[in-house]
Amino acid sequence: MSLKTKRIFMAFIGVIITGFCVGTIQKTTLGTDPFTCFVTGIANLFGSTYSTFYLIVMAIILIGVFIVEKHYIGVATVINLLFTGAAADFMRGLWDMAFPQPSMAVRAGLLFLGVLGSCFSASLYFTADLGVSGYDAISLIAANKYKLLPFRFCRVASDSVCVIVGFLFHANVGIGTVITALFMGPVIQWFNTHVSEPFLHGAAKSGAAGKNQG
């Protein structure tokens, strides 16, 4: 498989798995991801709907990303906009059929699966470098362009800010929100080093790159 084919494959599969994981986490009703929490809080502040402010917030972020580091906008960004929602709805429907009234143990298991899968999928399309979602680009720009902190810490910081804003404006904050805010950054970085980069570039080269980053 050529490098270009690998990158396209990783971007597409990563975005689709992201949608599946969003639907899985939604099924748990144990708290939304940090960005959803943030947008919901802002929508509450202005007495509007989530869908309306999702478009507004994403438009603002994408304009900023385009100005600062436009190479993060690409094929995967478009795929993300077009397919993530549909994939999430599809997976949520499957879980609804499989577990109409899930127990707490099932919900906890689905939360673990959804968060772990989200980290893996994000790692795939980050490493493919064919564009990312506007929100994902914030942490990548902070880490790679401005060298503020390693990516995992930049992601924890941005997620934490989103959770705080969402909480202040009465968004649904649960254990799932806290887990994704605190652990997604480090786990994504682990998948980058141990799975995605070795798959794309080869284990030896990726191992050397990982040592240089550390």
N, C-alpha and C. Protein backbone atom coordinates (compact mmCIF):
# COMPACT_ATOMS: atom_id res chain seq x y z
N MET A 1 0.85 -1.20 0.00
CA MET A 1 0.00 0.00 0.00
C MET A 1 0.88 1.24 0.00
N SER A 2 0.64 2.16 -0.93
CA SER A 2 1.45 3.37 -1.02
C SER A 2 1.17 4.30 0.16
N LEU A 3 2.09 5.24 0.38
CA LEU A 3 1.94 6.19 1.48
C LEU A 3 0.67 7.02 1.32
N LYS A 4 0.39 7.47 0.10
CA LYS A 4 -0.81 8.27 -0.15
C LYS A 4 -2.07 7.47 0.13
N THR A 5 -2.10 6.20 -0.30
CA THR A 5 -3.27 5.34 -0.06
C THR A 5 -3.46 5.12 1.43
N LYS A 6 -2.36 4.90 2.15
CA LYS A 6 -2.44 4.71 3.60
C LYS A 6 -3.06 5.94 4.27
N ARG A 7 -2.60 7.11 3.85
CA ARG A 7 -3.10 8.35 4.46
C ARG A 7 -4.59 8.53 4.21
N ILE A 8 -5.05 8.27 2.99
CA ILE A 8 -6.48 8.39 2.68
C ILE A 8 -7.28 7.37 3.48
N PHE A 9 -6.78 6.14 3.53
CA PHE A 9 -7.44 5.08 4.29
C PHE A 9 -7.56 5.45 5.77
N MET A 10 -6.46 5.93 6.34
CA MET A 10 -6.46 6.30 7.76
C MET A 10 -7.41 7.45 8.04
N ALA A 11 -7.45 8.44 7.15
CA ALA A 11 -8.33 9.59 7.35
C ALA A 11 -9.79 9.18 7.31
N PHE A 12 -10.16 8.37 6.30
CA PHE A 12 -11.55 7.98 6.15
C PHE A 12 -12.00 7.07 7.31
N ILE A 13 -11.20 6.04 7.59
CA ILE A 13 -11.55 5.11 8.67
C ILE A 13 -11.58 5.83 10.01
N GLY A 14 -10.62 6.74 10.22
CA GLY A 14 -10.59 7.47 11.48
C GLY A 14 -11.84 8.30 11.72
N VAL A 15 -12.29 9.00 10.68
CA VAL A 15 -13.49 9.83 10.83
C VAL A 15 -14.73 8.98 11.05
N ILE A 16 -14.87 7.88 10.32
CA ILE A 16 -16.04 7.02 10.49
C ILE A 16 -16.07 6.41 11.88
N ILE A 17 -14.92 5.93 12.37
CA ILE A 17 -14.87 5.37 13.72
C ILE A 17 -15.20 6.45 14.75
N THR A 18 -14.75 7.69 14.50
CA THR A 18 -15.09 8.79 15.40
C THR A 18 -16.61 8.93 15.52
N GLY A 19 -17.30 8.89 14.39
CA GLY A 19 -18.76 8.97 14.43
C GLY A 19 -19.38 7.83 15.20
N PHE A 20 -18.89 6.62 14.97
CA PHE A 20 -19.40 5.46 15.71
C PHE A 20 -19.21 5.65 17.22
N CYS A 21 -18.07 6.21 17.60
CA CYS A 21 -17.78 6.39 19.02
C CYS A 21 -18.62 7.49 19.64
N VAL A 22 -18.91 8.53 18.87
CA VAL A 22 -19.81 9.57 19.37
C VAL A 22 -21.18 8.97 19.68
N GLY A 23 -21.70 8.16 18.75
CA GLY A 23 -22.98 7.50 18.98
C GLY A 23 -22.94 6.57 20.18
N THR A 24 -21.81 5.90 20.38
CA THR A 24 -21.65 4.99 21.52
C THR A 24 -21.66 5.75 22.83
N ILE A 25 -20.94 6.87 22.88
CA ILE A 25 -20.90 7.67 24.11
C ILE A 25 -22.27 8.30 24.38
N GLN A 26 -22.96 8.72 23.33
CA GLN A 26 -24.31 9.27 23.51
C GLN A 26 -25.23 8.25 24.17
N LYS A 27 -25.09 7.00 23.79
CA LYS A 27 -25.95 5.94 24.34
C LYS A 27 -25.78 5.80 25.84
N THR A 28 -24.61 6.10 26.36
CA THR A 28 -24.36 5.91 27.79
C THR A 28 -25.10 6.93 28.65
N THR A 29 -25.41 8.11 28.08
CA THR A 29 -26.00 9.24 28.82
C THR A 29 -25.21 9.55 30.10
N LEU A 30 -23.88 9.41 30.01
CA LEU A 30 -23.01 9.69 31.15
C LEU A 30 -22.18 10.95 30.94
N GLY A 31 -22.64 11.80 30.03
CA GLY A 31 -21.92 13.04 29.77
C GLY A 31 -21.38 13.09 28.35
N THR A 32 -21.48 14.26 27.74
CA THR A 32 -21.01 14.43 26.37
C THR A 32 -19.51 14.71 26.34
N ASP A 33 -18.93 14.69 25.13
CA ASP A 33 -17.53 15.06 24.99
C ASP A 33 -17.36 16.55 25.26
N PRO A 34 -16.14 17.01 25.56
CA PRO A 34 -15.92 18.42 25.95
C PRO A 34 -16.41 19.45 24.94
N PHE A 35 -16.17 19.21 23.65
CA PHE A 35 -16.57 20.22 22.66
C PHE A 35 -18.09 20.33 22.57
N THR A 36 -18.78 19.19 22.59
CA THR A 36 -20.25 19.21 22.61
C THR A 36 -20.75 19.94 23.85
N CYS A 37 -20.09 19.69 24.97
CA CYS A 37 -20.43 20.37 26.23
C CYS A 37 -20.28 21.88 26.08
N PHE A 38 -19.18 22.31 25.47
CA PHE A 38 -18.91 23.74 25.26
C PHE A 38 -19.98 24.38 24.39
N VAL A 39 -20.26 23.77 23.24
CA VAL A 39 -21.24 24.34 22.31
C VAL A 39 -22.62 24.40 22.95
N THR A 40 -22.98 23.35 23.69
CA THR A 40 -24.27 23.33 24.37
C THR A 40 -24.36 24.47 25.38
N GLY A 41 -23.28 24.70 26.13
CA GLY A 41 -23.26 25.79 27.10
C GLY A 41 -23.43 27.15 26.45
N ILE A 42 -22.72 27.38 25.34
CA ILE A 42 -22.83 28.65 24.63
C ILE A 42 -24.24 28.83 24.07
N ALA A 43 -24.81 27.75 23.54
CA ALA A 43 -26.18 27.82 23.03
C ALA A 43 -27.16 28.16 24.15
N ASN A 44 -26.94 27.58 25.32
CA ASN A 44 -27.80 27.89 26.48
C ASN A 44 -27.68 29.36 26.85
N LEU A 45 -26.45 29.89 26.79
CA LEU A 45 -26.22 31.28 27.16
C LEU A 45 -27.04 32.22 26.29
N PHE A 46 -27.14 31.90 25.01
CA PHE A 46 -27.86 32.77 24.07
C PHE A 46 -29.30 32.30 23.83
N GLY A 47 -29.74 31.27 24.55
CA GLY A 47 -31.10 30.78 24.41
C GLY A 47 -31.38 30.23 23.03
N SER A 48 -30.38 29.58 22.43
CA SER A 48 -30.54 29.04 21.09
C SER A 48 -30.36 27.53 21.12
N THR A 49 -30.25 26.93 19.94
CA THR A 49 -30.14 25.47 19.84
C THR A 49 -28.70 25.05 19.61
N TYR A 50 -28.41 23.80 19.95
CA TYR A 50 -27.07 23.24 19.76
C TYR A 50 -26.67 23.28 18.29
N SER A 51 -27.56 22.85 17.41
CA SER A 51 -27.21 22.76 15.99
C SER A 51 -26.85 24.13 15.42
N THR A 52 -27.58 25.16 15.84
CA THR A 52 -27.29 26.51 15.35
C THR A 52 -25.91 26.96 15.79
N PHE A 53 -25.60 26.80 17.07
CA PHE A 53 -24.31 27.28 17.56
C PHE A 53 -23.16 26.35 17.21
N TYR A 54 -23.45 25.10 16.90
CA TYR A 54 -22.39 24.22 16.40
C TYR A 54 -21.84 24.80 15.09
N LEU A 55 -22.75 25.18 14.20
CA LEU A 55 -22.33 25.76 12.92
C LEU A 55 -21.58 27.08 13.12
N ILE A 56 -22.10 27.91 14.02
CA ILE A 56 -21.46 29.21 14.27
C ILE A 56 -20.06 29.03 14.84
N VAL A 57 -19.96 28.20 15.88
CA VAL A 57 -18.67 27.99 16.54
C VAL A 57 -17.67 27.34 15.59
N MET A 58 -18.11 26.32 14.84
CA MET A 58 -17.22 25.65 13.91
C MET A 58 -16.76 26.61 12.81
N ALA A 59 -17.65 27.47 12.34
CA ALA A 59 -17.28 28.43 11.31
C ALA A 59 -16.19 29.38 11.82
N ILE A 60 -16.36 29.86 13.05
CA ILE A 60 -15.36 30.76 13.65
C ILE A 60 -14.02 30.05 13.80
N ILE A 61 -14.07 28.82 14.29
CA ILE A 61 -12.82 28.07 14.50
C ILE A 61 -12.12 27.79 13.17
N LEU A 62 -12.89 27.37 12.17
CA LEU A 62 -12.28 27.04 10.88
C LEU A 62 -11.68 28.26 10.19
N ILE A 63 -12.32 29.42 10.36
CA ILE A 63 -11.74 30.65 9.82
C ILE A 63 -10.40 30.94 10.49
N GLY A 64 -10.38 30.78 11.82
CA GLY A 64 -9.13 31.00 12.55
C GLY A 64 -8.05 30.02 12.14
N VAL A 65 -8.42 28.75 12.00
CA VAL A 65 -7.45 27.73 11.59
C VAL A 65 -6.93 28.04 10.19
N PHE A 66 -7.81 28.45 9.30
CA PHE A 66 -7.39 28.76 7.93
C PHE A 66 -6.38 29.90 7.91
N ILE A 67 -6.58 30.89 8.78
CA ILE A 67 -5.65 32.03 8.83
C ILE A 67 -4.31 31.63 9.44
N VAL A 68 -4.36 30.83 10.51
CA VAL A 68 -3.14 30.53 11.27
C VAL A 68 -2.35 29.36 10.68
N GLU A 69 -3.04 28.29 10.31
CA GLU A 69 -2.34 27.08 9.84
C GLU A 69 -3.29 26.27 8.97
N LYS A 70 -3.48 26.73 7.73
CA LYS A 70 -4.54 26.19 6.90
C LYS A 70 -4.32 24.76 6.44
N HIS A 71 -3.09 24.22 6.61
CA HIS A 71 -2.88 22.85 6.14
C HIS A 71 -3.65 21.83 6.99
N TYR A 72 -4.17 22.26 8.16
CA TYR A 72 -5.00 21.35 8.96
C TYR A 72 -6.41 21.21 8.39
N ILE A 73 -6.76 22.03 7.42
CA ILE A 73 -8.05 21.90 6.74
C ILE A 73 -7.82 21.13 5.44
N GLY A 74 -8.47 20.00 5.30
CA GLY A 74 -8.25 19.16 4.14
C GLY A 74 -9.37 18.16 3.93
N VAL A 75 -9.04 17.08 3.27
CA VAL A 75 -10.04 16.07 2.93
C VAL A 75 -10.73 15.54 4.18
N ALA A 76 -9.95 15.25 5.22
CA ALA A 76 -10.53 14.70 6.44
C ALA A 76 -11.48 15.69 7.11
N THR A 77 -11.21 16.99 6.97
CA THR A 77 -12.10 18.01 7.53
C THR A 77 -13.48 17.92 6.87
N VAL A 78 -13.48 17.78 5.56
CA VAL A 78 -14.74 17.65 4.82
C VAL A 78 -15.45 16.36 5.17
N ILE A 79 -14.69 15.26 5.21
CA ILE A 79 -15.28 13.96 5.58
C ILE A 79 -15.89 14.05 6.96
N ASN A 80 -15.19 14.73 7.87
CA ASN A 80 -15.68 14.88 9.24
C ASN A 80 -17.02 15.59 9.26
N LEU A 81 -17.13 16.68 8.49
CA LEU A 81 -18.38 17.45 8.46
C LEU A 81 -19.52 16.64 7.85
N LEU A 82 -19.22 15.82 6.84
CA LEU A 82 -20.27 15.12 6.10
C LEU A 82 -20.71 13.82 6.74
N PHE A 83 -19.78 13.11 7.38
CA PHE A 83 -20.08 11.73 7.77
C PHE A 83 -20.13 11.47 9.27
N THR A 84 -19.54 12.32 10.08
CA THR A 84 -19.49 12.03 11.52
C THR A 84 -20.89 11.93 12.12
N GLY A 85 -21.75 12.90 11.80
CA GLY A 85 -23.11 12.89 12.34
C GLY A 85 -23.89 11.67 11.92
N ALA A 86 -23.80 11.31 10.64
CA ALA A 86 -24.53 10.15 10.13
C ALA A 86 -24.03 8.87 10.78
N ALA A 87 -22.70 8.75 10.93
CA ALA A 87 -22.14 7.56 11.57
C ALA A 87 -22.56 7.47 13.03
N ALA A 88 -22.63 8.61 13.71
CA ALA A 88 -23.06 8.64 15.11
C ALA A 88 -24.52 8.19 15.25
N ASP A 89 -25.39 8.72 14.39
CA ASP A 89 -26.80 8.33 14.44
C ASP A 89 -26.98 6.85 14.14
N PHE A 90 -26.22 6.34 13.17
CA PHE A 90 -26.31 4.92 12.81
C PHE A 90 -25.91 4.04 13.98
N MET A 91 -24.79 4.36 14.62
CA MET A 91 -24.32 3.54 15.74
C MET A 91 -25.25 3.66 16.94
N ARG A 92 -25.75 4.86 17.19
CA ARG A 92 -26.70 5.04 18.30
C ARG A 92 -27.94 4.17 18.07
N GLY A 93 -28.41 4.09 16.83
CA GLY A 93 -29.56 3.25 16.51
C GLY A 93 -29.27 1.78 16.75
N LEU A 94 -28.07 1.33 16.42
CA LEU A 94 -27.70 -0.07 16.66
C LEU A 94 -27.68 -0.38 18.16
N TRP A 95 -27.09 0.53 18.93
CA TRP A 95 -27.05 0.31 20.38
C TRP A 95 -28.46 0.34 20.99
N ASP A 96 -29.33 1.19 20.46
CA ASP A 96 -30.70 1.24 20.95
C ASP A 96 -31.42 -0.09 20.73
N MET A 97 -31.15 -0.71 19.59
CA MET A 97 -31.75 -2.02 19.31
C MET A 97 -31.15 -3.11 20.19
N ALA A 98 -29.85 -3.05 20.40
CA ALA A 98 -29.17 -4.09 21.17
C ALA A 98 -29.44 -3.97 22.67
N PHE A 99 -29.49 -2.73 23.16
CA PHE A 99 -29.68 -2.49 24.61
C PHE A 99 -30.73 -1.39 24.81
N PRO A 100 -32.01 -1.74 24.70
CA PRO A 100 -33.06 -0.72 24.86
C PRO A 100 -33.01 -0.01 26.21
N GLN A 101 -32.71 -0.78 27.27
CA GLN A 101 -32.60 -0.20 28.62
C GLN A 101 -31.32 -0.74 29.26
N PRO A 102 -30.18 -0.19 28.91
CA PRO A 102 -28.91 -0.74 29.38
C PRO A 102 -28.69 -0.55 30.88
N SER A 103 -28.08 -1.54 31.49
CA SER A 103 -27.72 -1.44 32.90
C SER A 103 -26.52 -0.49 33.05
N MET A 104 -26.21 -0.13 34.28
CA MET A 104 -25.06 0.74 34.51
C MET A 104 -23.77 0.07 34.05
N ALA A 105 -23.68 -1.25 34.23
CA ALA A 105 -22.47 -1.96 33.79
C ALA A 105 -22.30 -1.87 32.27
N VAL A 106 -23.41 -2.01 31.54
CA VAL A 106 -23.36 -1.90 30.07
C VAL A 106 -22.99 -0.47 29.67
N ARG A 107 -23.58 0.51 30.34
CA ARG A 107 -23.29 1.90 30.02
C ARG A 107 -21.81 2.22 30.28
N ALA A 108 -21.27 1.70 31.38
CA ALA A 108 -19.85 1.92 31.70
C ALA A 108 -18.97 1.26 30.64
N GLY A 109 -19.35 0.06 30.21
CA GLY A 109 -18.58 -0.63 29.18
C GLY A 109 -18.62 0.12 27.86
N LEU A 110 -19.79 0.64 27.51
CA LEU A 110 -19.90 1.42 26.27
C LEU A 110 -19.10 2.72 26.35
N LEU A 111 -19.09 3.32 27.53
CA LEU A 111 -18.30 4.54 27.71
C LEU A 111 -16.82 4.26 27.49
N PHE A 112 -16.33 3.18 28.09
CA PHE A 112 -14.93 2.80 27.92
C PHE A 112 -14.62 2.55 26.44
N LEU A 113 -15.50 1.80 25.78
CA LEU A 113 -15.32 1.50 24.36
C LEU A 113 -15.33 2.77 23.52
N GLY A 114 -16.28 3.67 23.82
CA GLY A 114 -16.40 4.90 23.04
C GLY A 114 -15.21 5.83 23.20
N VAL A 115 -14.73 5.99 24.43
CA VAL A 115 -13.59 6.87 24.67
C VAL A 115 -12.33 6.29 24.05
N LEU A 116 -12.08 5.00 24.26
CA LEU A 116 -10.88 4.38 23.70
C LEU A 116 -10.91 4.43 22.17
N GLY A 117 -12.08 4.13 21.60
CA GLY A 117 -12.21 4.18 20.14
C GLY A 117 -12.03 5.59 19.60
N SER A 118 -12.52 6.59 20.33
CA SER A 118 -12.36 7.98 19.91
C SER A 118 -10.89 8.38 19.87
N CYS A 119 -10.13 7.92 20.86
CA CYS A 119 -8.70 8.21 20.89
C CYS A 119 -7.99 7.55 19.72
N PHE A 120 -8.33 6.30 19.46
CA PHE A 120 -7.72 5.58 18.33
C PHE A 120 -8.05 6.24 17.00
N SER A 121 -9.31 6.59 16.82
CA SER A 121 -9.73 7.18 15.54
C SER A 121 -9.12 8.55 15.34
N ALA A 122 -9.06 9.35 16.41
CA ALA A 122 -8.43 10.67 16.29
C ALA A 122 -6.96 10.53 15.91
N SER A 123 -6.29 9.56 16.51
CA SER A 123 -4.89 9.31 16.18
C SER A 123 -4.72 8.97 14.71
N LEU A 124 -5.63 8.17 14.16
CA LEU A 124 -5.53 7.78 12.76
C LEU A 124 -5.58 8.99 11.84
N TYR A 125 -6.60 9.85 12.01
CA TYR A 125 -6.70 10.93 11.05
C TYR A 125 -5.77 12.11 11.38
N PHE A 126 -5.32 12.23 12.62
CA PHE A 126 -4.26 13.21 12.92
C PHE A 126 -2.99 12.83 12.17
N THR A 127 -2.61 11.55 12.28
CA THR A 127 -1.36 11.09 11.68
C THR A 127 -1.44 11.10 10.16
N ALA A 128 -2.62 10.84 9.60
CA ALA A 128 -2.79 10.89 8.15
C ALA A 128 -2.48 12.28 7.60
N ASP A 129 -2.71 13.32 8.40
CA ASP A 129 -2.37 14.70 8.05
C ASP A 129 -3.05 15.15 6.76
N LEU A 130 -4.33 14.79 6.63
CA LEU A 130 -5.12 15.24 5.48
C LEU A 130 -6.24 16.18 5.94
N GLY A 131 -6.01 16.82 7.07
CA GLY A 131 -7.02 17.70 7.64
C GLY A 131 -7.65 17.08 8.86
N VAL A 132 -8.07 17.91 9.80
CA VAL A 132 -8.74 17.46 11.01
C VAL A 132 -9.94 18.37 11.25
N SER A 133 -10.74 18.03 12.25
CA SER A 133 -11.85 18.91 12.59
C SER A 133 -11.30 20.22 13.15
N GLY A 134 -12.11 21.27 13.08
CA GLY A 134 -11.67 22.57 13.56
C GLY A 134 -11.23 22.53 15.01
N TYR A 135 -11.99 21.83 15.84
CA TYR A 135 -11.64 21.77 17.27
C TYR A 135 -10.33 21.01 17.49
N ASP A 136 -10.16 19.90 16.79
CA ASP A 136 -8.92 19.13 16.94
C ASP A 136 -7.70 19.97 16.53
N ALA A 137 -7.89 20.85 15.54
CA ALA A 137 -6.77 21.66 15.05
C ALA A 137 -6.24 22.61 16.12
N ILE A 138 -7.07 23.02 17.06
CA ILE A 138 -6.63 23.97 18.09
C ILE A 138 -5.45 23.41 18.88
N SER A 139 -5.58 22.18 19.38
CA SER A 139 -4.51 21.57 20.17
C SER A 139 -3.28 21.29 19.32
N LEU A 140 -3.51 20.86 18.08
CA LEU A 140 -2.38 20.57 17.19
C LEU A 140 -1.58 21.83 16.87
N ILE A 141 -2.27 22.93 16.64
CA ILE A 141 -1.58 24.19 16.36
C ILE A 141 -0.81 24.67 17.59
N ALA A 142 -1.45 24.58 18.76
CA ALA A 142 -0.79 25.01 19.99
C ALA A 142 0.48 24.21 20.25
N ALA A 143 0.42 22.90 19.96
CA ALA A 143 1.57 22.04 20.22
C ALA A 143 2.62 22.11 19.13
N ASN A 144 2.20 22.08 17.87
CA ASN A 144 3.15 21.95 16.76
C ASN A 144 3.64 23.27 16.19
N LYS A 145 2.79 24.28 16.16
CA LYS A 145 3.20 25.57 15.61
C LYS A 145 3.80 26.48 16.68
N TYR A 146 3.09 26.60 17.80
CA TYR A 146 3.53 27.54 18.83
C TYR A 146 4.35 26.90 19.94
N LYS A 147 4.43 25.56 19.94
CA LYS A 147 5.26 24.82 20.91
C LYS A 147 4.93 25.19 22.36
N LEU A 148 3.66 25.41 22.64
CA LEU A 148 3.27 25.81 23.99
C LEU A 148 3.51 24.67 24.98
N LEU A 149 3.06 23.48 24.61
CA LEU A 149 3.20 22.28 25.44
C LEU A 149 3.12 21.09 24.49
N PRO A 150 3.54 19.90 24.94
CA PRO A 150 3.28 18.71 24.13
C PRO A 150 1.79 18.55 23.84
N PHE A 151 1.47 17.90 22.74
CA PHE A 151 0.07 17.80 22.31
C PHE A 151 -0.85 17.31 23.42
N ARG A 152 -0.42 16.26 24.14
CA ARG A 152 -1.33 15.66 25.13
C ARG A 152 -1.77 16.68 26.18
N PHE A 153 -0.87 17.60 26.54
CA PHE A 153 -1.22 18.62 27.53
C PHE A 153 -2.06 19.74 26.92
N CYS A 154 -1.78 20.07 25.68
CA CYS A 154 -2.60 21.07 25.00
C CYS A 154 -4.03 20.58 24.86
N ARG A 155 -4.19 19.28 24.57
CA ARG A 155 -5.54 18.72 24.42
C ARG A 155 -6.27 18.71 25.75
N VAL A 156 -5.58 18.33 26.81
CA VAL A 156 -6.21 18.36 28.14
C VAL A 156 -6.64 19.77 28.49
N ALA A 157 -5.80 20.76 28.17
CA ALA A 157 -6.13 22.16 28.49
C ALA A 157 -7.36 22.63 27.72
N SER A 158 -7.41 22.37 26.41
CA SER A 158 -8.56 22.82 25.62
C SER A 158 -9.83 22.10 26.04
N ASP A 159 -9.72 20.80 26.30
CA ASP A 159 -10.89 20.05 26.75
C ASP A 159 -11.39 20.55 28.10
N SER A 160 -10.46 20.86 28.99
CA SER A 160 -10.85 21.33 30.32
C SER A 160 -11.56 22.68 30.26
N VAL A 161 -11.07 23.57 29.39
CA VAL A 161 -11.73 24.87 29.21
C VAL A 161 -13.15 24.68 28.70
N CYS A 162 -13.32 23.76 27.74
CA CYS A 162 -14.65 23.49 27.20
C CYS A 162 -15.60 22.98 28.28
N VAL A 163 -15.10 22.08 29.12
CA VAL A 163 -15.94 21.52 30.18
C VAL A 163 -16.34 22.60 31.18
N ILE A 164 -15.40 23.46 31.54
CA ILE A 164 -15.69 24.53 32.51
C ILE A 164 -16.75 25.48 31.95
N VAL A 165 -16.59 25.87 30.68
CA VAL A 165 -17.57 26.77 30.07
C VAL A 165 -18.94 26.10 29.99
N GLY A 166 -18.95 24.83 29.56
CA GLY A 166 -20.21 24.09 29.49
C GLY A 166 -20.88 23.99 30.85
N PHE A 167 -20.10 23.68 31.88
CA PHE A 167 -20.65 23.56 33.23
C PHE A 167 -21.23 24.88 33.71
N LEU A 168 -20.52 25.98 33.47
CA LEU A 168 -20.99 27.29 33.92
C LEU A 168 -22.31 27.68 33.28
N PHE A 169 -22.55 27.17 32.06
CA PHE A 169 -23.78 27.53 31.36
C PHE A 169 -24.73 26.35 31.21
N HIS A 170 -24.65 25.44 32.18
CA HIS A 170 -25.67 24.41 32.40
C HIS A 170 -25.75 23.35 31.30
N ALA A 171 -24.62 23.03 30.70
CA ALA A 171 -24.59 21.88 29.79
C ALA A 171 -24.52 20.60 30.61
N ASN A 172 -24.80 19.48 29.97
CA ASN A 172 -24.78 18.19 30.65
C ASN A 172 -23.34 17.73 30.84
N VAL A 173 -22.85 17.83 32.07
CA VAL A 173 -21.50 17.38 32.40
C VAL A 173 -21.60 16.13 33.25
N GLY A 174 -20.98 15.05 32.81
CA GLY A 174 -21.01 13.79 33.55
C GLY A 174 -19.63 13.17 33.61
N ILE A 175 -19.57 11.96 34.11
CA ILE A 175 -18.29 11.27 34.25
C ILE A 175 -17.63 11.08 32.88
N GLY A 176 -18.44 10.88 31.84
CA GLY A 176 -17.89 10.73 30.50
C GLY A 176 -17.20 11.99 30.03
N THR A 177 -17.75 13.14 30.40
CA THR A 177 -17.15 14.43 30.04
C THR A 177 -15.80 14.59 30.71
N VAL A 178 -15.75 14.27 31.99
CA VAL A 178 -14.50 14.42 32.76
C VAL A 178 -13.43 13.47 32.23
N ILE A 179 -13.82 12.23 31.94
CA ILE A 179 -12.85 11.24 31.45
C ILE A 179 -12.27 11.69 30.11
N THR A 180 -13.13 12.12 29.20
CA THR A 180 -12.63 12.54 27.89
C THR A 180 -11.76 13.79 28.00
N ALA A 181 -12.11 14.69 28.91
CA ALA A 181 -11.32 15.91 29.08
C ALA A 181 -9.92 15.62 29.61
N LEU A 182 -9.80 14.69 30.54
CA LEU A 182 -8.52 14.45 31.20
C LEU A 182 -7.63 13.43 30.50
N PHE A 183 -8.23 12.48 29.79
CA PHE A 183 -7.44 11.35 29.31
C PHE A 183 -7.31 11.23 27.80
N MET A 184 -8.13 11.92 27.01
CA MET A 184 -8.05 11.74 25.57
C MET A 184 -6.71 12.17 25.00
N GLY A 185 -6.19 13.32 25.45
CA GLY A 185 -4.91 13.79 24.93
C GLY A 185 -3.78 12.79 25.10
N PRO A 186 -3.52 12.32 26.33
CA PRO A 186 -2.44 11.34 26.52
C PRO A 186 -2.67 10.03 25.77
N VAL A 187 -3.93 9.56 25.71
CA VAL A 187 -4.19 8.28 25.04
C VAL A 187 -4.04 8.43 23.52
N ILE A 188 -4.48 9.56 22.96
CA ILE A 188 -4.26 9.81 21.54
C ILE A 188 -2.76 9.80 21.23
N GLN A 189 -1.96 10.45 22.09
CA GLN A 189 -0.52 10.48 21.88
C GLN A 189 0.06 9.07 21.91
N TRP A 190 -0.45 8.22 22.81
CA TRP A 190 0.03 6.84 22.88
C TRP A 190 -0.28 6.10 21.58
N PHE A 191 -1.49 6.26 21.06
CA PHE A 191 -1.84 5.62 19.80
C PHE A 191 -0.99 6.18 18.64
N ASN A 192 -0.72 7.49 18.67
CA ASN A 192 0.15 8.06 17.64
C ASN A 192 1.49 7.33 17.59
N THR A 193 2.10 7.19 18.76
CA THR A 193 3.44 6.63 18.85
C THR A 193 3.50 5.14 18.57
N HIS A 194 2.49 4.42 19.06
CA HIS A 194 2.57 2.95 19.04
C HIS A 194 1.75 2.28 17.94
N VAL A 195 0.83 3.02 17.31
CA VAL A 195 -0.03 2.40 16.30
C VAL A 195 0.00 3.17 14.98
N SER A 196 -0.45 4.41 15.00
CA SER A 196 -0.68 5.14 13.75
C SER A 196 0.61 5.47 13.01
N GLU A 197 1.60 6.01 13.71
CA GLU A 197 2.85 6.36 13.06
C GLU A 197 3.61 5.12 12.56
N PRO A 198 3.68 4.03 13.35
CA PRO A 198 4.31 2.82 12.81
C PRO A 198 3.59 2.28 11.57
N PHE A 199 2.26 2.36 11.55
CA PHE A 199 1.52 1.88 10.38
C PHE A 199 1.82 2.73 9.16
N LEU A 200 1.87 4.05 9.34
CA LEU A 200 2.07 4.94 8.20
C LEU A 200 3.52 4.95 7.71
N HIS A 201 4.45 5.03 8.63
CA HIS A 201 5.85 5.26 8.24
C HIS A 201 6.75 4.05 8.42
N GLY A 202 6.30 3.06 9.18
CA GLY A 202 7.17 1.94 9.51
C GLY A 202 7.63 2.04 10.94
N ALA A 203 7.74 0.91 11.61
CA ALA A 203 8.01 0.90 13.06
C ALA A 203 9.34 1.54 13.41
N ALA A 204 10.40 1.29 12.64
CA ALA A 204 11.72 1.79 13.00
C ALA A 204 11.77 3.31 12.95
N LYS A 205 11.25 3.88 11.85
CA LYS A 205 11.27 5.33 11.68
C LYS A 205 10.42 6.03 12.74
N SER A 206 9.22 5.45 13.01
CA SER A 206 8.32 6.05 13.98
C SER A 206 8.90 5.99 15.39
N GLY A 207 9.60 4.90 15.69
CA GLY A 207 10.21 4.77 17.00
C GLY A 207 11.26 5.85 17.23
N ALA A 208 12.05 6.14 16.20
CA ALA A 208 13.05 7.19 16.30
C ALA A 208 12.40 8.55 16.48
N ALA A 209 11.28 8.79 15.72
CA ALA A 209 10.56 10.06 15.83
C ALA A 209 9.97 10.23 17.21
N GLY A 210 9.43 9.13 17.78
CA GLY A 210 8.83 9.19 19.10
C GLY A 210 9.85 9.56 20.16
N LYS A 211 11.12 9.04 20.02
CA LYS A 211 12.15 9.37 20.98
C LYS A 211 12.53 10.85 20.89
N ASN A 212 12.55 11.37 19.65
CA ASN A 212 12.88 12.79 19.48
C ASN A 212 11.81 13.68 20.08
N GLN A 213 10.51 13.29 19.95
CA GLN A 213 9.42 14.08 20.51
C GLN A 213 9.45 14.08 22.03
N GLY A 214 9.78 12.91 22.61
CA GLY A 214 9.80 12.81 24.05
C GLY A 214 10.89 13.66 24.67
